[in-house]
């Protein structure tokens, strides 16, 4: 089939690769000048299955607009009633999430990690990656509160173990001796991979397989056309395809409205702060998550990145100084000599990225109710962890219509799509 993909983030580019591998012709449309310029640009880079299932999102608490950034969601949506309804439903669905759904998510992420490792080996992809991470617990109360989550993850068959503060400092020797630490949870297996670096490497692989990448080209309209789909774009072209895969949630509302489809998601804004390493021995070996602040600190090549903070609503323009300042404080608290924030050799980058999160917090992967329109979006905070599994499963479903049972929990139909 001749297939159009809208969006060239990690999910769009990886989906293009899988479809090309399965023998389809693929054209990817991206409104930015290069792939991975939005949600895939500077996230934490975490891919740990246990992290994605238990600690990927913010705490289920709402902070006032004037409050300092914290571990929950900061309300920046003003009097937006739709945002308030989304928050209440999303929060309710997090409490209701059962083990069957968690097992389906685990299968999707584990399958994707296996695929990512296989592709890295087969294609000789040289990108920053590391195994294992620690969830840091500052005091006894925090450790006790984490026990229910630990027990649930063990019940799902995940490999993790509580470790003492001394053992945590052995695993991550650069942790500040002065930082209070009661204990930690050691998550085994793949933990960190550079999302943007991977996406750019896969972009070249897509080109070598014959895929077309149309940069600086927005899709302005979608319409059914005799068993296929016709796309109108910002450069004035009008092209027909056998199928379309939507991999971009931000900005898709207008396209969906023109088709009579809802947009059952909202956009959350997350933040990261990246800086060059001062000394490798003073930086994290792999990754840690400070559970109190919900800030992740990861090592990506010669850079250290702190990521966290979630805003509901607000403008896409610029970063939030208070959020960036908080990230720097948490990074310096745990690894005081890791990053070079000042001086002639300093290289500091702050980022604010959009996370598309569905009404129930699960991704939308599979066919829409309009024949030939497929979705792979709304992955939220764990989009990078899900990307390769979602792309592979979706390509299977498109190429072999009798497959796709693994995607049933993520069917767009549950959201009215």
Protein backbone atom coordinates (compact mmCIF):
# COMPACT_ATOMS: atom_id res chain seq x y z
CA UNK A 1 0.00 0.00 0.00
CA UNK A 2 0.94 3.65 -0.40
CA UNK A 3 0.74 5.10 3.13
CA UNK A 4 1.07 8.64 4.49
CA UNK A 5 2.32 9.26 8.03
CA UNK A 6 1.57 12.56 9.73
CA UNK A 7 4.27 13.47 12.26
CA UNK A 8 8.01 12.70 12.33
CA UNK A 9 8.62 12.24 16.03
CA UNK A 10 10.04 8.97 17.27
CA UNK A 11 6.69 7.19 16.78
CA UNK A 12 6.20 8.51 13.25
CA UNK A 13 9.72 7.71 12.06
CA UNK A 14 9.74 4.27 13.69
CA UNK A 15 6.32 3.47 12.22
CA UNK A 16 7.61 4.53 8.79
CA UNK A 17 10.56 2.16 9.15
CA UNK A 18 8.38 -0.82 10.10
CA UNK A 19 5.93 -0.20 7.24
CA UNK A 20 8.78 0.12 4.74
CA UNK A 21 10.25 -3.12 6.04
CA UNK A 22 6.88 -4.76 5.40
CA UNK A 23 6.90 -3.65 1.76
CA UNK A 24 4.73 -0.53 1.82
CA UNK A 25 5.50 2.81 0.17
CA UNK A 26 5.66 5.55 2.81
CA UNK A 27 5.62 9.35 2.84
CA UNK A 28 6.12 11.15 6.16
CA UNK A 29 4.80 14.70 6.63
CA UNK A 30 6.37 16.93 9.27
CA UNK A 31 5.56 20.60 9.90
CA UNK A 32 8.95 21.26 11.49
CA UNK A 33 12.26 21.56 9.67
CA UNK A 34 13.66 18.33 11.07
CA UNK A 35 12.31 15.19 12.79
CA UNK A 36 12.03 14.91 16.57
CA UNK A 37 11.55 18.64 17.19
CA UNK A 38 8.64 18.42 19.63
CA UNK A 39 7.93 15.68 22.21
CA UNK A 40 10.91 13.62 21.00
CA UNK A 41 13.45 16.44 21.26
CA UNK A 42 14.70 16.38 24.86
CA UNK A 43 12.71 14.04 27.11
CA UNK A 44 14.40 12.18 29.95
CA UNK A 45 15.19 9.27 27.65
CA UNK A 46 13.83 6.68 30.07
CA UNK A 47 12.64 3.37 28.63
CA UNK A 48 12.46 1.19 31.75
CA UNK A 49 9.32 -0.94 31.79
CA UNK A 50 8.86 -0.66 35.56
CA UNK A 51 9.30 3.12 35.43
CA UNK A 52 6.77 3.41 32.58
CA UNK A 53 4.16 1.35 34.43
CA UNK A 54 4.52 2.94 37.86
CA UNK A 55 6.34 6.28 37.87
CA UNK A 56 6.27 7.76 34.36
CA UNK A 57 3.58 10.33 35.02
CA UNK A 58 3.13 13.02 37.66
CA UNK A 59 1.58 12.47 41.07
CA UNK A 60 -2.21 12.53 41.03
CA UNK A 61 -2.29 15.95 42.69
CA UNK A 62 -3.27 19.31 41.27
CA UNK A 63 -1.20 22.39 42.13
CA UNK A 64 -2.54 25.94 41.95
CA UNK A 65 -1.36 28.16 39.06
CA UNK A 66 0.64 30.36 41.44
CA UNK A 67 2.26 27.41 43.23
CA UNK A 68 5.89 26.49 42.71
CA UNK A 69 6.43 23.56 40.32
CA UNK A 70 6.03 20.26 42.15
CA UNK A 71 5.59 16.52 41.66
CA UNK A 72 1.95 16.80 40.63
CA UNK A 73 0.19 18.67 37.83
CA UNK A 74 0.28 22.47 37.92
CA UNK A 75 -2.97 24.03 36.70
CA UNK A 76 -2.29 26.65 34.00
CA UNK A 77 -5.56 26.29 32.07
CA UNK A 78 -7.47 29.22 33.55
CA UNK A 79 -11.23 28.72 33.38
CA UNK A 80 -11.07 26.00 30.71
CA UNK A 81 -13.94 23.65 31.62
CA UNK A 82 -12.76 20.99 29.14
CA UNK A 83 -9.36 20.83 30.86
CA UNK A 84 -11.06 20.40 34.23
CA UNK A 85 -13.25 17.55 32.92
CA UNK A 86 -10.17 15.90 31.41
CA UNK A 87 -8.32 16.13 34.72
CA UNK A 88 -11.15 14.54 36.70
CA UNK A 89 -11.62 11.69 34.24
CA UNK A 90 -7.88 11.03 33.81
CA UNK A 91 -7.34 10.96 37.58
CA UNK A 92 -10.26 8.59 38.05
CA UNK A 93 -8.97 6.24 35.34
CA UNK A 94 -5.52 6.07 36.95
CA UNK A 95 -7.09 4.78 40.17
CA UNK A 96 -9.15 2.22 38.23
CA UNK A 97 -6.33 0.82 36.12
CA UNK A 98 -6.22 -2.95 36.61
CA UNK A 99 -3.55 -5.59 36.17
CA UNK A 100 -4.88 -6.68 32.76
CA UNK A 101 -4.20 -3.20 31.39
CA UNK A 102 -0.79 -3.06 33.06
CA UNK A 103 0.11 -6.46 31.59
CA UNK A 104 -0.90 -5.22 28.12
CA UNK A 105 1.29 -2.15 28.59
CA UNK A 106 4.13 -4.31 29.80
CA UNK A 107 3.88 -6.53 26.72
CA UNK A 108 3.87 -3.50 24.43
CA UNK A 109 6.91 -1.91 26.09
CA UNK A 110 8.88 -5.15 26.46
CA UNK A 111 8.23 -6.02 22.82
CA UNK A 112 9.38 -2.56 21.82
CA UNK A 113 12.57 -2.76 23.87
CA UNK A 114 13.42 -6.09 22.26
CA UNK A 115 12.78 -4.56 18.85
CA UNK A 116 14.88 -1.50 19.70
CA UNK A 117 17.79 -3.68 20.82
CA UNK A 118 17.50 -5.86 17.70
CA UNK A 119 17.48 -2.82 15.40
CA UNK A 120 20.42 -1.27 17.24
CA UNK A 121 22.40 -4.45 16.65
CA UNK A 122 21.25 -5.15 13.07
CA UNK A 123 21.68 -1.58 11.83
CA UNK A 124 24.74 -0.80 13.97
CA UNK A 125 23.05 2.26 15.46
CA UNK A 126 25.45 4.22 17.64
CA UNK A 127 23.36 6.09 20.19
CA UNK A 128 23.61 6.84 23.91
CA UNK A 129 22.03 4.12 26.03
CA UNK A 130 22.49 2.43 29.39
CA UNK A 131 20.92 -0.22 31.62
CA UNK A 132 19.42 -0.12 35.12
CA UNK A 133 18.09 2.81 37.14
CA UNK A 134 17.38 3.71 40.75
CA UNK A 135 14.23 5.15 42.28
CA UNK A 136 15.53 7.20 45.21
CA UNK A 137 13.57 7.20 48.49
CA UNK A 138 14.58 10.01 50.82
CA UNK A 139 13.00 8.85 54.08
CA UNK A 140 11.20 5.96 55.78
CA UNK A 141 7.75 7.37 55.02
CA UNK A 142 8.50 7.57 51.32
CA UNK A 143 9.89 4.03 51.35
CA UNK A 144 6.76 2.71 53.08
CA UNK A 145 4.55 4.52 50.59
CA UNK A 146 6.40 2.94 47.66
CA UNK A 147 5.94 -0.61 48.93
CA UNK A 148 2.47 -1.09 47.44
CA UNK A 149 3.79 -0.11 44.01
CA UNK A 150 6.79 -2.42 44.40
CA UNK A 151 4.53 -5.35 45.32
CA UNK A 152 2.25 -4.68 42.36
CA UNK A 153 5.16 -4.53 39.91
CA UNK A 154 6.53 -7.79 41.30
CA UNK A 155 3.11 -9.32 40.79
CA UNK A 156 3.41 -8.38 37.12
CA UNK A 157 6.68 -10.32 36.94
CA UNK A 158 9.03 -7.36 36.76
CA UNK A 159 12.59 -7.58 38.03
CA UNK A 160 13.20 -4.99 40.71
CA UNK A 161 14.56 -5.02 44.24
CA UNK A 162 14.74 -2.66 47.19
CA UNK A 163 18.32 -1.74 48.13
CA UNK A 164 19.80 0.05 51.11
CA UNK A 165 21.20 3.55 50.93
CA UNK A 166 24.72 2.12 51.02
CA UNK A 167 24.03 -0.23 48.13
CA UNK A 168 22.37 2.59 46.17
CA UNK A 169 25.53 4.66 46.59
CA UNK A 170 27.57 1.72 45.38
CA UNK A 171 25.44 1.47 42.24
CA UNK A 172 25.56 5.26 41.74
CA UNK A 173 28.85 6.35 43.37
CA UNK A 174 28.44 10.03 42.49
CA UNK A 175 25.32 10.50 44.64
CA UNK A 176 26.02 13.33 47.07
CA UNK A 177 26.95 12.00 50.53
CA UNK A 178 25.10 14.94 52.09
CA UNK A 179 21.79 14.18 50.33
CA UNK A 180 19.41 12.32 52.71
CA UNK A 181 18.75 8.84 51.35
CA UNK A 182 16.81 6.12 53.16
CA UNK A 183 16.85 3.45 50.43
CA UNK A 184 16.15 2.93 46.74
CA UNK A 185 14.47 0.61 44.26
CA UNK A 186 16.80 -0.93 41.70
CA UNK A 187 15.10 -1.40 38.32
CA UNK A 188 16.97 -3.90 36.18
CA UNK A 189 17.20 -3.96 32.39
CA UNK A 190 17.26 -1.29 29.65
CA UNK A 191 16.74 2.10 31.27
CA UNK A 192 18.03 4.99 29.13
CA UNK A 193 18.30 5.68 25.41
CA UNK A 194 18.67 8.98 23.57
CA UNK A 195 15.28 9.50 21.91
CA UNK A 196 16.25 12.26 19.47
CA UNK A 197 19.52 10.58 18.52
CA UNK A 198 17.68 7.33 17.77
CA UNK A 199 15.05 9.14 15.71
CA UNK A 200 17.66 10.92 13.59
CA UNK A 201 19.50 7.66 12.94
CA UNK A 202 16.25 5.96 11.95
CA UNK A 203 15.40 8.88 9.68
CA UNK A 204 18.43 7.98 7.54
CA UNK A 205 17.40 4.34 7.57
CA UNK A 206 13.90 5.33 6.35
CA UNK A 207 15.48 7.28 3.47
CA UNK A 208 17.68 4.33 2.49
CA UNK A 209 14.60 2.11 2.36
CA UNK A 210 12.95 4.52 -0.09
CA UNK A 211 10.71 6.44 2.30
CA UNK A 212 9.95 10.09 1.50
CA UNK A 213 10.22 12.71 4.23
CA UNK A 214 8.39 15.97 3.56
CA UNK A 215 9.74 18.50 6.06
CA UNK A 216 8.24 21.95 6.69
CA UNK A 217 5.01 20.55 5.27
CA UNK A 218 1.85 20.67 7.34
CA UNK A 219 -1.19 18.59 6.50
CA UNK A 220 -4.05 21.08 6.25
CA UNK A 221 -6.89 18.69 5.38
CA UNK A 222 -7.72 14.98 5.26
CA UNK A 223 -10.66 13.56 3.35
CA UNK A 224 -11.77 10.09 2.25
CA UNK A 225 -11.35 9.45 -1.46
CA UNK A 226 -12.73 6.32 -3.11
CA UNK A 227 -11.44 3.75 -0.64
CA UNK A 228 -8.33 5.78 0.10
CA UNK A 229 -7.41 9.16 1.53
CA UNK A 230 -6.49 12.50 0.05
CA UNK A 231 -4.13 14.87 1.86
CA UNK A 232 -3.92 18.61 1.26
CA UNK A 233 -0.71 20.21 2.48
CA UNK A 234 0.69 23.65 3.24
CA UNK A 235 2.79 23.67 0.07
CA UNK A 236 -0.35 23.43 -2.07
CA UNK A 237 -0.07 19.77 -3.01
CA UNK A 238 -3.00 17.37 -2.98
CA UNK A 239 -2.05 13.68 -2.94
CA UNK A 240 -3.90 10.41 -2.65
CA UNK A 241 -2.89 7.49 -0.41
CA UNK A 242 -4.31 4.08 0.36
CA UNK A 243 -4.08 4.72 4.10
CA UNK A 244 -3.00 7.39 6.60
CA UNK A 245 -1.33 6.92 9.98
CA UNK A 246 -1.71 9.83 12.41
CA UNK A 247 1.35 10.00 14.68
CA UNK A 248 1.02 13.66 15.69
CA UNK A 249 -1.50 14.56 18.35
CA UNK A 250 -0.58 18.22 18.77
CA UNK A 251 -2.49 20.13 16.11
CA UNK A 252 -4.55 17.12 15.02
CA UNK A 253 -7.74 18.55 16.52
CA UNK A 254 -8.61 20.56 13.42
CA UNK A 255 -7.97 17.61 11.11
CA UNK A 256 -10.16 15.37 13.26
CA UNK A 257 -12.92 17.98 13.55
CA UNK A 258 -13.14 18.11 9.77
CA UNK A 259 -13.78 14.36 9.79
CA UNK A 260 -16.35 14.41 12.58
CA UNK A 261 -13.92 12.80 15.04
CA UNK A 262 -13.37 13.96 18.62
CA UNK A 263 -9.99 14.85 20.09
CA UNK A 264 -10.18 12.88 23.37
CA UNK A 265 -6.90 14.06 24.84
CA UNK A 266 -5.20 17.06 26.32
CA UNK A 267 -1.68 18.47 26.10
CA UNK A 268 0.53 18.46 29.18
CA UNK A 269 3.77 20.41 29.19
CA UNK A 270 6.93 18.85 30.56
CA UNK A 271 10.40 20.31 31.09
CA UNK A 272 14.03 19.28 30.91
CA UNK A 273 17.41 20.84 31.59
CA UNK A 274 20.51 19.46 29.86
CA UNK A 275 24.12 20.42 30.54
CA UNK A 276 27.57 19.20 29.64
CA UNK A 277 29.27 16.96 32.18
CA UNK A 278 31.92 18.52 34.35
CA UNK A 279 33.56 15.19 35.23
CA UNK A 280 32.24 11.77 34.19
CA UNK A 281 33.01 10.30 37.62
CA UNK A 282 30.74 12.92 39.22
CA UNK A 283 27.77 12.15 36.97
CA UNK A 284 25.19 9.36 37.21
CA UNK A 285 26.19 5.98 35.78
CA UNK A 286 22.77 5.60 34.17
CA UNK A 287 19.60 7.13 35.64
CA UNK A 288 17.87 7.95 38.90
CA UNK A 289 14.36 9.11 39.72
CA UNK A 290 13.91 11.28 42.80
CA UNK A 291 10.49 10.08 43.89
CA UNK A 292 9.84 13.06 46.14
CA UNK A 293 10.16 15.59 43.32
CA UNK A 294 9.37 13.22 40.41
CA UNK A 295 12.48 14.52 38.68
CA UNK A 296 14.53 12.05 36.62
CA UNK A 297 18.28 12.53 36.16
CA UNK A 298 19.85 10.71 33.24
CA UNK A 299 23.25 10.44 31.65
CA UNK A 300 23.20 10.82 27.87
CA UNK A 301 26.69 10.57 26.42
CA UNK A 302 28.66 13.58 27.63
CA UNK A 303 25.57 15.37 28.93
CA UNK A 304 23.42 15.15 32.05
CA UNK A 305 19.69 15.79 31.86
CA UNK A 306 17.14 16.54 34.59
CA UNK A 307 13.51 16.14 33.55
CA UNK A 308 10.20 16.65 35.29
CA UNK A 309 7.40 19.00 36.14
CA UNK A 310 3.99 18.91 34.46
CA UNK A 311 1.73 21.81 33.50
CA UNK A 312 -1.85 21.49 32.34
CA UNK A 313 -2.50 24.41 30.00
CA UNK A 314 -0.35 27.39 29.20
CA UNK A 315 1.46 28.64 26.14
CA UNK A 316 3.83 26.65 23.94
CA UNK A 317 6.23 29.60 23.77
CA UNK A 318 9.44 29.41 25.77
CA UNK A 319 10.40 27.55 28.91
CA UNK A 320 9.18 28.24 32.43
CA UNK A 321 12.04 29.73 34.50
CA UNK A 322 10.70 28.37 37.79
CA UNK A 323 10.47 24.83 36.40
CA UNK A 324 13.96 24.98 34.91
CA UNK A 325 15.38 26.39 38.14
CA UNK A 326 13.80 23.54 40.10
CA UNK A 327 15.35 20.96 37.78
CA UNK A 328 18.77 22.48 38.33
CA UNK A 329 18.25 22.41 42.08
CA UNK A 330 17.28 18.72 42.13
CA UNK A 331 20.19 17.82 39.86
CA UNK A 332 22.65 19.70 42.08
CA UNK A 333 21.13 18.16 45.21
CA UNK A 334 21.91 14.61 44.09
CA UNK A 335 24.92 15.18 41.81
CA UNK A 336 26.44 18.54 42.84
CA UNK A 337 29.50 18.31 40.59
CA UNK A 338 27.96 16.56 37.59
CA UNK A 339 27.00 19.47 35.32
CA UNK A 340 28.84 22.49 34.01
CA UNK A 341 26.30 25.30 34.38
CA UNK A 342 28.65 28.25 34.02
CA UNK A 343 32.01 29.26 32.61
CA UNK A 344 33.40 29.37 29.07
CA UNK A 345 32.82 25.66 28.49
CA UNK A 346 29.24 25.64 29.77
CA UNK A 347 26.61 24.22 27.44
CA UNK A 348 23.13 24.41 28.93
CA UNK A 349 19.83 23.76 27.18
CA UNK A 350 16.32 24.05 28.62
CA UNK A 351 13.30 22.55 26.90
CA UNK A 352 9.54 22.56 27.26
CA UNK A 353 7.78 19.80 25.35
CA UNK A 354 4.19 18.80 24.68
CA UNK A 355 2.88 15.46 25.89
CA UNK A 356 -0.40 14.31 24.38
CA UNK A 357 -2.35 12.35 27.00
CA UNK A 358 -5.67 10.64 26.31
CA UNK A 359 -8.70 10.81 28.58
CA UNK A 360 -7.84 7.47 30.18
CA UNK A 361 -4.06 7.84 29.99
CA UNK A 362 -3.59 4.99 27.49
CA UNK A 363 -2.30 5.43 23.93
CA UNK A 364 -4.53 5.21 20.86
CA UNK A 365 -2.97 2.58 18.57
CA UNK A 366 -4.88 0.88 15.76
CA UNK A 367 -7.62 1.57 13.20
CA UNK A 368 -10.04 4.46 13.64
CA UNK A 369 -13.71 4.09 12.82
CA UNK A 370 -12.96 5.60 9.40
CA UNK A 371 -11.56 2.88 7.10
CA UNK A 372 -7.95 3.45 6.18
CA UNK A 373 -7.25 5.99 8.94
CA UNK A 374 -4.92 4.55 11.56
CA UNK A 375 -3.71 6.11 14.81
CA UNK A 376 -0.50 5.86 16.78
CA UNK A 377 -0.62 8.75 19.25
CA UNK A 378 -1.33 9.96 22.81
CA UNK A 379 1.47 7.96 24.42
CA UNK A 380 2.05 10.53 27.15
CA UNK A 381 5.22 10.56 29.24
CA UNK A 382 6.20 7.01 28.21
CA UNK A 383 6.03 7.59 24.44
CA UNK A 384 9.67 6.72 23.86
CA UNK A 385 9.34 3.51 25.88
CA UNK A 386 6.33 2.48 23.77
CA UNK A 387 7.51 3.71 20.37
CA UNK A 388 9.12 0.63 18.88
CA UNK A 389 6.48 -1.77 20.20
CA UNK A 390 3.62 0.42 18.99
CA UNK A 391 5.20 0.81 15.54
CA UNK A 392 5.81 -2.90 15.12
CA UNK A 393 2.33 -3.92 16.30
CA UNK A 394 0.65 -1.28 14.13
CA UNK A 395 2.55 -2.34 11.02
CA UNK A 396 1.56 -5.95 11.70
CA UNK A 397 -2.10 -4.92 11.96
CA UNK A 398 -1.97 -2.91 8.70
CA UNK A 399 -0.05 -5.56 6.76
CA UNK A 400 -1.80 -8.64 8.12
CA UNK A 401 -5.40 -7.70 9.01
CA UNK A 402 -5.93 -10.93 10.97
CA UNK A 403 -3.28 -9.83 13.49
CA UNK A 404 -3.48 -6.99 15.97
CA UNK A 405 -5.12 -8.68 18.98
CA UNK A 406 -2.33 -7.30 21.18
CA UNK A 407 -3.53 -3.78 20.43
CA UNK A 408 -7.11 -4.36 21.66
CA UNK A 409 -6.57 -2.53 25.01
CA UNK A 410 -5.36 0.51 23.06
CA UNK A 411 -8.06 0.51 20.38
CA UNK A 412 -9.05 4.06 19.35
CA UNK A 413 -12.70 2.97 19.41
CA UNK A 414 -12.69 3.11 23.23
CA UNK A 415 -12.20 6.89 22.87
CA UNK A 416 -14.88 7.32 20.23
CA UNK A 417 -12.29 7.49 17.41
